[in-house]
C-alpha atoms as a PDB file:
ATOM      1  CA  UNK A   1       0.000   0.000   0.000  1.00  0.00           C
ATOM      2  CA  UNK A   2       1.384   3.414  -0.944  1.00  0.00           C
ATOM      3  CA  UNK A   3       1.912   6.173   1.623  1.00  0.00           C
ATOM      4  CA  UNK A   4      -0.754   8.262  -0.094  1.00  0.00           C
ATOM      5  CA  UNK A   5      -3.320   5.677   1.089  1.00  0.00           C
ATOM      6  CA  UNK A   6      -1.661   4.555   4.323  1.00  0.00           C
ATOM      7  CA  UNK A   7      -1.146   8.007   5.860  1.00  0.00           C
ATOM      8  CA  UNK A   8      -4.861   8.976   5.658  1.00  0.00           C
ATOM      9  CA  UNK A   9      -5.736   5.624   7.294  1.00  0.00           C
ATOM     10  CA  UNK A  10      -3.329   6.441  10.130  1.00  0.00           C
ATOM     11  CA  UNK A  11      -4.964   9.851  10.498  1.00  0.00           C
ATOM     12  CA  UNK A  12      -8.484   8.365  10.608  1.00  0.00           C
ATOM     13  CA  UNK A  13      -7.525   5.662  13.119  1.00  0.00           C
ATOM     14  CA  UNK A  14      -5.920   8.237  15.404  1.00  0.00           C
ATOM     15  CA  UNK A  15      -8.924  10.526  15.029  1.00  0.00           C
ATOM     16  CA  UNK A  16     -11.513   7.884  15.956  1.00  0.00           C
ATOM     17  CA  UNK A  17      -9.619   6.048  18.695  1.00  0.00           C
ATOM     18  CA  UNK A  18      -8.405   9.113  20.619  1.00  0.00           C
ATOM     19  CA  UNK A  19     -12.045  10.140  21.049  1.00  0.00           C
ATOM     20  CA  UNK A  20     -12.697   7.041  23.171  1.00  0.00           C
ATOM     21  CA  UNK A  21      -9.500   6.720  25.210  1.00  0.00           C
ATOM     22  CA  UNK A  22      -7.230   4.790  22.819  1.00  0.00           C
ATOM     23  CA  UNK A  23      -4.366   5.930  20.642  1.00  0.00           C
ATOM     24  CA  UNK A  24      -4.708   3.919  17.447  1.00  0.00           C
ATOM     25  CA  UNK A  25      -2.706   0.786  18.214  1.00  0.00           C
ATOM     26  CA  UNK A  26      -5.835  -1.342  17.978  1.00  0.00           C
ATOM     27  CA  UNK A  27      -5.674  -0.658  14.229  1.00  0.00           C
ATOM     28  CA  UNK A  28      -2.006   0.094  13.536  1.00  0.00           C
ATOM     29  CA  UNK A  29      -0.366  -3.170  14.581  1.00  0.00           C
ATOM     30  CA  UNK A  30      -2.655  -5.627  12.720  1.00  0.00           C
ATOM     31  CA  UNK A  31      -2.753  -3.286   9.702  1.00  0.00           C
ATOM     32  CA  UNK A  32       1.033  -3.099   9.429  1.00  0.00           C
ATOM     33  CA  UNK A  33       1.353  -6.881   9.770  1.00  0.00           C
ATOM     34  CA  UNK A  34      -1.247  -7.415   7.024  1.00  0.00           C
ATOM     35  CA  UNK A  35       0.698  -5.035   4.793  1.00  0.00           C
ATOM     36  CA  UNK A  36       3.770  -7.244   5.117  1.00  0.00           C
ATOM     37  CA  UNK A  37       5.792  -5.273   7.659  1.00  0.00           C
ATOM     38  CA  UNK A  38       8.201  -7.422   9.709  1.00  0.00           C
ATOM     39  CA  UNK A  39       6.581  -8.101  13.088  1.00  0.00           C
ATOM     40  CA  UNK A  40       9.200  -6.148  15.052  1.00  0.00           C
ATOM     41  CA  UNK A  41       8.819  -3.163  12.716  1.00  0.00           C
ATOM     42  CA  UNK A  42       5.014  -3.354  12.864  1.00  0.00           C
ATOM     43  CA  UNK A  43       4.938  -3.452  16.671  1.00  0.00           C
ATOM     44  CA  UNK A  44       7.489  -0.679  17.207  1.00  0.00           C
ATOM     45  CA  UNK A  45       5.836   1.569  14.606  1.00  0.00           C
ATOM     46  CA  UNK A  46       2.420   0.897  16.127  1.00  0.00           C
ATOM     47  CA  UNK A  47       3.611   1.765  19.634  1.00  0.00           C
ATOM     48  CA  UNK A  48       5.314   4.956  18.473  1.00  0.00           C
ATOM     49  CA  UNK A  49       2.317   6.199  16.480  1.00  0.00           C
ATOM     50  CA  UNK A  50      -0.001   5.124  19.291  1.00  0.00           C
ATOM     51  CA  UNK A  51       2.027   7.226  21.730  1.00  0.00           C
ATOM     52  CA  UNK A  52       2.107  10.221  19.382  1.00  0.00           C
ATOM     53  CA  UNK A  53      -1.673  10.161  18.894  1.00  0.00           C
ATOM     54  CA  UNK A  54      -2.258   9.751  22.633  1.00  0.00           C
ATOM     55  CA  UNK A  55       0.199  12.544  23.483  1.00  0.00           C
ATOM     56  CA  UNK A  56      -1.496  14.851  20.994  1.00  0.00           C
ATOM     57  CA  UNK A  57      -4.927  14.125  22.464  1.00  0.00           C
ATOM     58  CA  UNK A  58      -3.629  14.364  26.053  1.00  0.00           C
ATOM     59  CA  UNK A  59      -2.531  17.964  25.407  1.00  0.00           C
ATOM     60  CA  UNK A  60      -6.115  18.922  24.576  1.00  0.00           C
ATOM     61  CA  UNK A  61      -7.619  16.901  27.414  1.00  0.00           C
ATOM     62  CA  UNK A  62      -5.182  18.389  29.936  1.00  0.00           C
ATOM     63  CA  UNK A  63      -6.025  21.922  28.842  1.00  0.00           C
ATOM     64  CA  UNK A  64      -9.738  21.103  29.158  1.00  0.00           C
ATOM     65  CA  UNK A  65      -9.062  19.666  32.650  1.00  0.00           C
ATOM     66  CA  UNK A  66     -10.554  16.291  31.706  1.00  0.00           C
ATOM     67  CA  UNK A  67      -7.633  14.144  32.947  1.00  0.00           C
ATOM     68  CA  UNK A  68      -7.954  12.777  36.478  1.00  0.00           C
ATOM     69  CA  UNK A  69      -4.261  12.522  37.408  1.00  0.00           C
ATOM     70  CA  UNK A  70      -5.052  11.375  40.960  1.00  0.00           C
ATOM     71  CA  UNK A  71      -6.525   8.192  39.479  1.00  0.00           C
ATOM     72  CA  UNK A  72      -4.145   7.918  36.525  1.00  0.00           C
ATOM     73  CA  UNK A  73      -0.874   7.926  38.504  1.00  0.00           C
ATOM     74  CA  UNK A  74      -1.624   4.985  40.866  1.00  0.00           C
ATOM     75  CA  UNK A  75      -3.177   3.096  37.940  1.00  0.00           C
ATOM     76  CA  UNK A  76      -0.100   3.735  35.830  1.00  0.00           C
ATOM     77  CA  UNK A  77       2.310   2.629  38.551  1.00  0.00           C
ATOM     78  CA  UNK A  78       0.391  -0.487  39.595  1.00  0.00           C
ATOM     79  CA  UNK A  79      -0.222  -1.653  36.018  1.00  0.00           C
ATOM     80  CA  UNK A  80       3.489  -1.289  35.222  1.00  0.00           C
ATOM     81  CA  UNK A  81       4.441  -3.359  38.276  1.00  0.00           C
ATOM     82  CA  UNK A  82       1.754  -6.006  37.637  1.00  0.00           C
ATOM     83  CA  UNK A  83       2.464  -6.564  33.938  1.00  0.00           C
ATOM     84  CA  UNK A  84       5.511  -8.855  34.524  1.00  0.00           C
ATOM     85  CA  UNK A  85       3.381 -11.119  36.746  1.00  0.00           C
ATOM     86  CA  UNK A  86       0.846 -11.416  33.943  1.00  0.00           C
ATOM     87  CA  UNK A  87       3.641 -12.352  31.570  1.00  0.00           C
ATOM     88  CA  UNK A  88       4.841 -15.058  33.991  1.00  0.00           C
ATOM     89  CA  UNK A  89       1.335 -16.552  34.074  1.00  0.00           C
ATOM     90  CA  UNK A  90       1.529 -17.168  30.334  1.00  0.00           C
ATOM     91  CA  UNK A  91       3.368 -20.433  30.901  1.00  0.00           C
ATOM     92  CA  UNK A  92       0.929 -21.556  33.621  1.00  0.00           C
ATOM     93  CA  UNK A  93      -2.522 -20.556  32.382  1.00  0.00           C
ATOM     94  CA  UNK A  94      -4.002 -22.088  29.233  1.00  0.00           C
ATOM     95  CA  UNK A  95      -4.045 -18.987  27.043  1.00  0.00           C
ATOM     96  CA  UNK A  96      -6.949 -20.307  24.947  1.00  0.00           C
ATOM     97  CA  UNK A  97      -9.141 -20.776  28.008  1.00  0.00           C
ATOM     98  CA  UNK A  98      -8.177 -17.374  29.368  1.00  0.00           C
ATOM     99  CA  UNK A  99      -8.783 -15.729  25.984  1.00  0.00           C
ATOM    100  CA  UNK A 100     -12.211 -17.353  25.850  1.00  0.00           C
ATOM    101  CA  UNK A 101     -13.119 -16.041  29.300  1.00  0.00           C
ATOM    102  CA  UNK A 102     -11.817 -12.580  28.426  1.00  0.00           C
ATOM    103  CA  UNK A 103     -13.767 -12.656  25.155  1.00  0.00           C
ATOM    104  CA  UNK A 104     -16.974 -13.190  27.130  1.00  0.00           C
ATOM    105  CA  UNK A 105     -16.116 -10.361  29.558  1.00  0.00           C
ATOM    106  CA  UNK A 106     -15.267  -7.994  26.709  1.00  0.00           C
ATOM    107  CA  UNK A 107     -18.473  -8.924  24.867  1.00  0.00           C
ATOM    108  CA  UNK A 108     -20.588  -8.140  27.936  1.00  0.00           C
ATOM    109  CA  UNK A 109     -18.728  -4.860  28.423  1.00  0.00           C
ATOM    110  CA  UNK A 110     -19.322  -3.982  24.765  1.00  0.00           C
ATOM    111  CA  UNK A 111     -23.049  -4.659  25.044  1.00  0.00           C
ATOM    112  CA  UNK A 112     -23.299  -2.535  28.168  1.00  0.00           C
ATOM    113  CA  UNK A 113     -21.401   0.284  26.474  1.00  0.00           C
ATOM    114  CA  UNK A 114     -23.604   0.189  23.374  1.00  0.00           C
ATOM    115  CA  UNK A 115     -26.951  -0.261  25.086  1.00  0.00           C
ATOM    116  CA  UNK A 116     -26.531   1.808  28.254  1.00  0.00           C
ATOM    117  CA  UNK A 117     -28.294   5.147  28.236  1.00  0.00           C
ATOM    118  CA  UNK A 118     -27.996   6.330  31.821  1.00  0.00           C
ATOM    119  CA  UNK A 119     -24.353   5.772  32.768  1.00  0.00           C
ATOM    120  CA  UNK A 120     -23.553   9.448  32.464  1.00  0.00           C
ATOM    121  CA  UNK A 121     -26.519  10.391  34.602  1.00  0.00           C
ATOM    122  CA  UNK A 122     -25.482   8.074  37.426  1.00  0.00           C
ATOM    123  CA  UNK A 123     -21.786   8.944  37.263  1.00  0.00           C
ATOM    124  CA  UNK A 124     -20.363  10.763  40.262  1.00  0.00           C
ATOM    125  CA  UNK A 125     -17.049  12.406  41.040  1.00  0.00           C
ATOM    126  CA  UNK A 126     -15.038   9.796  42.995  1.00  0.00           C
ATOM    127  CA  UNK A 127     -13.417  10.907  46.238  1.00  0.00           C
ATOM    128  CA  UNK A 128      -9.637  10.915  46.626  1.00  0.00           C
ATOM    129  CA  UNK A 129      -9.501   7.636  48.566  1.00  0.00           C
ATOM    130  CA  UNK A 130     -11.565   5.713  46.014  1.00  0.00           C
ATOM    131  CA  UNK A 131      -9.578   7.220  43.155  1.00  0.00           C
ATOM    132  CA  UNK A 132      -6.220   6.195  44.621  1.00  0.00           C
ATOM    133  CA  UNK A 133      -7.209   2.745  45.908  1.00  0.00           C
ATOM    134  CA  UNK A 134      -9.549   2.002  42.989  1.00  0.00           C
ATOM    135  CA  UNK A 135      -6.984   3.220  40.469  1.00  0.00           C
ATOM    136  CA  UNK A 136      -4.302   0.983  41.999  1.00  0.00           C
ATOM    137  CA  UNK A 137      -6.573  -2.088  41.966  1.00  0.00           C
ATOM    138  CA  UNK A 138      -7.675  -1.426  38.384  1.00  0.00           C
ATOM    139  CA  UNK A 139      -4.010  -1.000  37.440  1.00  0.00           C
ATOM    140  CA  UNK A 140      -3.133  -4.407  38.875  1.00  0.00           C
ATOM    141  CA  UNK A 141      -5.986  -6.074  36.977  1.00  0.00           C
ATOM    142  CA  UNK A 142      -5.119  -4.273  33.736  1.00  0.00           C
ATOM    143  CA  UNK A 143      -1.399  -4.997  34.138  1.00  0.00           C
ATOM    144  CA  UNK A 144      -1.932  -8.721  34.678  1.00  0.00           C
ATOM    145  CA  UNK A 145      -4.368  -9.013  31.755  1.00  0.00           C
ATOM    146  CA  UNK A 146      -2.112  -6.980  29.502  1.00  0.00           C
ATOM    147  CA  UNK A 147       0.973  -8.990  30.428  1.00  0.00           C
ATOM    148  CA  UNK A 148      -0.837 -12.295  29.966  1.00  0.00           C
ATOM    149  CA  UNK A 149      -2.467 -11.424  26.635  1.00  0.00           C
ATOM    150  CA  UNK A 150       0.369  -9.275  25.300  1.00  0.00           C
ATOM    151  CA  UNK A 151      -1.869  -6.264  24.621  1.00  0.00           C
ATOM    152  CA  UNK A 152      -2.284  -2.705  25.765  1.00  0.00           C
ATOM    153  CA  UNK A 153      -4.674  -2.018  28.618  1.00  0.00           C
ATOM    154  CA  UNK A 154      -6.664   0.835  27.135  1.00  0.00           C
ATOM    155  CA  UNK A 155      -9.555  -1.412  26.104  1.00  0.00           C
ATOM    156  CA  UNK A 156     -10.006  -2.420  29.761  1.00  0.00           C
ATOM    157  CA  UNK A 157      -9.261   0.905  31.453  1.00  0.00           C
ATOM    158  CA  UNK A 158     -12.189   2.933  30.102  1.00  0.00           C
ATOM    159  CA  UNK A 159     -14.997   0.496  31.085  1.00  0.00           C
ATOM    160  CA  UNK A 160     -13.450  -0.061  34.528  1.00  0.00           C
ATOM    161  CA  UNK A 161     -13.173   3.674  35.199  1.00  0.00           C
ATOM    162  CA  UNK A 162     -16.769   4.239  34.110  1.00  0.00           C
ATOM    163  CA  UNK A 163     -18.482   1.308  35.791  1.00  0.00           C
ATOM    164  CA  UNK A 164     -16.237   0.637  38.816  1.00  0.00           C
ATOM    165  CA  UNK A 165     -15.100   4.128  39.828  1.00  0.00           C
ATOM    166  CA  UNK A 166     -18.255   5.743  38.369  1.00  0.00           C
ATOM    167  CA  UNK A 167     -16.119   8.275  36.508  1.00  0.00           C
ATOM    168  CA  UNK A 168     -17.852  10.474  33.908  1.00  0.00           C
ATOM    169  CA  UNK A 169     -17.377   9.060  30.401  1.00  0.00           C
ATOM    170  CA  UNK A 170     -15.370  11.949  28.962  1.00  0.00           C
ATOM    171  CA  UNK A 171     -13.071  12.016  31.968  1.00  0.00           C
ATOM    172  CA  UNK A 172     -12.558   8.255  31.771  1.00  0.00           C
ATOM    173  CA  UNK A 173     -11.576   8.430  28.086  1.00  0.00           C
ATOM    174  CA  UNK A 174      -9.230  11.364  28.691  1.00  0.00           C
ATOM    175  CA  UNK A 175      -7.596   9.687  31.695  1.00  0.00           C
ATOM    176  CA  UNK A 176      -7.084   6.505  29.698  1.00  0.00           C
ATOM    177  CA  UNK A 177      -5.363   8.489  26.930  1.00  0.00           C
ATOM    178  CA  UNK A 178      -2.964   9.969  29.492  1.00  0.00           C
ATOM    179  CA  UNK A 179      -1.999   6.465  30.630  1.00  0.00           C
ATOM    180  CA  UNK A 180      -1.650   5.212  27.043  1.00  0.00           C
ATOM    181  CA  UNK A 181       1.038   7.850  26.390  1.00  0.00           C
ATOM    182  CA  UNK A 182       3.378   6.309  28.973  1.00  0.00           C
ATOM    183  CA  UNK A 183       2.627   2.664  28.204  1.00  0.00           C
ATOM    184  CA  UNK A 184       3.122   3.205  24.459  1.00  0.00           C
ATOM    185  CA  UNK A 185       6.443   5.015  24.641  1.00  0.00           C
ATOM    186  CA  UNK A 186       7.865   2.670  27.284  1.00  0.00           C
ATOM    187  CA  UNK A 187       6.987  -0.280  25.056  1.00  0.00           C
ATOM    188  CA  UNK A 188       8.470   1.497  22.035  1.00  0.00           C
ATOM    189  CA  UNK A 189      11.780   2.123  23.803  1.00  0.00           C
ATOM    190  CA  UNK A 190      11.965  -1.553  24.774  1.00  0.00           C
ATOM    191  CA  UNK A 191      11.359  -2.687  21.189  1.00  0.00           C
ATOM    192  CA  UNK A 192      13.808  -0.217  19.663  1.00  0.00           C
ATOM    193  CA  UNK A 193      16.513  -1.412  22.056  1.00  0.00           C
ATOM    194  CA  UNK A 194      16.042  -4.951  20.730  1.00  0.00           C
ATOM    195  CA  UNK A 195      15.509  -4.198  17.041  1.00  0.00           C
ATOM    196  CA  UNK A 196      15.591  -1.188  14.770  1.00  0.00           C
ATOM    197  CA  UNK A 197      12.617   0.649  13.345  1.00  0.00           C
ATOM    198  CA  UNK A 198      11.818   2.333  10.054  1.00  0.00           C
ATOM    199  CA  UNK A 199      12.256   6.022  10.905  1.00  0.00           C
ATOM    200  CA  UNK A 200      11.738   6.968   7.273  1.00  0.00           C
ATOM    201  CA  UNK A 201       8.149   5.733   7.601  1.00  0.00           C
ATOM    202  CA  UNK A 202       7.145   6.488  11.182  1.00  0.00           C
ATOM    203  CA  UNK A 203       8.316  10.124  11.268  1.00  0.00           C
ATOM    204  CA  UNK A 204       6.048  11.240   8.383  1.00  0.00           C
ATOM    205  CA  UNK A 205       3.309   8.964   9.740  1.00  0.00           C
ATOM    206  CA  UNK A 206       3.689  10.616  13.161  1.00  0.00           C
ATOM    207  CA  UNK A 207       2.583  13.940  11.670  1.00  0.00           C
ATOM    208  CA  UNK A 208      -0.702  12.385  10.550  1.00  0.00           C
ATOM    209  CA  UNK A 209      -1.095  10.531  13.837  1.00  0.00           C
ATOM    210  CA  UNK A 210      -0.562  13.757  15.802  1.00  0.00           C
ATOM    211  CA  UNK A 211      -3.072  15.608  13.628  1.00  0.00           C
ATOM    212  CA  UNK A 212      -5.635  12.833  14.054  1.00  0.00           C
ATOM    213  CA  UNK A 213      -5.178  12.922  17.820  1.00  0.00           C
ATOM    214  CA  UNK A 214      -5.680  16.677  17.881  1.00  0.00           C
ATOM    215  CA  UNK A 215      -8.878  16.539  15.852  1.00  0.00           C
ATOM    216  CA  UNK A 216     -10.262  13.520  17.714  1.00  0.00           C
ATOM    217  CA  UNK A 217      -9.665  15.070  21.131  1.00  0.00           C
ATOM    218  CA  UNK A 218     -11.217  18.380  20.117  1.00  0.00           C
ATOM    219  CA  UNK A 219     -14.311  16.702  18.671  1.00  0.00           C
ATOM    220  CA  UNK A 220     -14.715  14.617  21.831  1.00  0.00           C
ATOM    221  CA  UNK A 221     -14.242  17.571  24.197  1.00  0.00           C
ATOM    222  CA  UNK A 222     -16.518  19.953  22.309  1.00  0.00           C
ATOM    223  CA  UNK A 223     -19.139  17.922  20.469  1.00  0.00           C
ATOM    224  CA  UNK A 224     -19.532  14.329  21.628  1.00  0.00           C
ATOM    225  CA  UNK A 225     -21.775  13.364  24.510  1.00  0.00           C
ATOM    226  CA  UNK A 226     -20.966  10.569  26.920  1.00  0.00           C
ATOM    227  CA  UNK A 227     -23.422   8.133  25.373  1.00  0.00           C
ATOM    228  CA  UNK A 228     -21.937   8.583  21.875  1.00  0.00           C
ATOM    229  CA  UNK A 229     -18.443   7.934  23.257  1.00  0.00           C
ATOM    230  CA  UNK A 230     -19.606   4.753  24.989  1.00  0.00           C
ATOM    231  CA  UNK A 231     -21.305   3.489  21.820  1.00  0.00           C
ATOM    232  CA  UNK A 232     -18.204   4.075  19.665  1.00  0.00           C
ATOM    233  CA  UNK A 233     -16.071   2.356  22.285  1.00  0.00           C
ATOM    234  CA  UNK A 234     -18.561  -0.508  22.457  1.00  0.00           C
ATOM    235  CA  UNK A 235     -18.225  -1.147  18.724  1.00  0.00           C
ATOM    236  CA  UNK A 236     -14.431  -1.207  19.089  1.00  0.00           C
ATOM    237  CA  UNK A 237     -14.783  -3.667  21.970  1.00  0.00           C
ATOM    238  CA  UNK A 238     -16.823  -5.941  19.711  1.00  0.00           C
ATOM    239  CA  UNK A 239     -13.924  -5.983  17.246  1.00  0.00           C
ATOM    240  CA  UNK A 240     -11.567  -6.787  20.107  1.00  0.00           C
ATOM    241  CA  UNK A 241     -13.964  -9.544  21.231  1.00  0.00           C
ATOM    242  CA  UNK A 242     -13.695 -11.161  17.786  1.00  0.00           C
ATOM    243  CA  UNK A 243      -9.903 -11.004  18.011  1.00  0.00           C
ATOM    244  CA  UNK A 244      -9.933 -12.679  21.441  1.00  0.00           C
ATOM    245  CA  UNK A 245     -12.423 -15.290  20.265  1.00  0.00           C
ATOM    246  CA  UNK A 246     -10.170 -16.130  17.334  1.00  0.00           C
ATOM    247  CA  UNK A 247      -7.242 -16.536  19.726  1.00  0.00           C
ATOM    248  CA  UNK A 248      -9.309 -18.813  21.953  1.00  0.00           C
ATOM    249  CA  UNK A 249     -10.399 -21.057  19.085  1.00  0.00           C
ATOM    250  CA  UNK A 250      -7.005 -21.443  17.410  1.00  0.00           C
END
């Protein structure tokens, strides 16, 4: 695929996914692999562009005061510490069984996201204690699942913030984006230290990813309502459910 087609796809993925608390990696990595990129190049490029899109969106969300740093920091720390334990479980737990269970959980979360109409109305501002303790517990869960499945945690963070901590939808998406910035770039640095990356591709692509993140974050902050964000995220969760189901059946 030529850059004239690939770069607009990168822009669109960044635009859509930053509106709901993701950076674009849900699309980038499988797309690059399908296009014939070496796996190491696909993963490192995906992480870098994911981080750029998330960073771009986080700038807007921070200025709009949508990021809950008191929840994000303990979640970020605990998920980072828990991820290696999830990776160690890979050799113990039957990954197909676990993927099947996770597929069911993700499917139920997707249905709730798509069909719920009153989550925003029942959301409340969590107190400091629940934000710190709840954020740490969510981080541990996300870290273990991410380490075990080898995926980013953004698809789990948003539903948990909304339905466990009762965080408003926009704030949950913005807080997730803030966390994705750190997880993406830390993963990118690790991959680059092990294998090179195609800077000639990812630097021009980063411009489109940054622009998509800017537009997506502005549309979310100014135009989208909580229910619309949940429905878009629910559709993305359904796609992730199919990916998990495929992993469970193979």
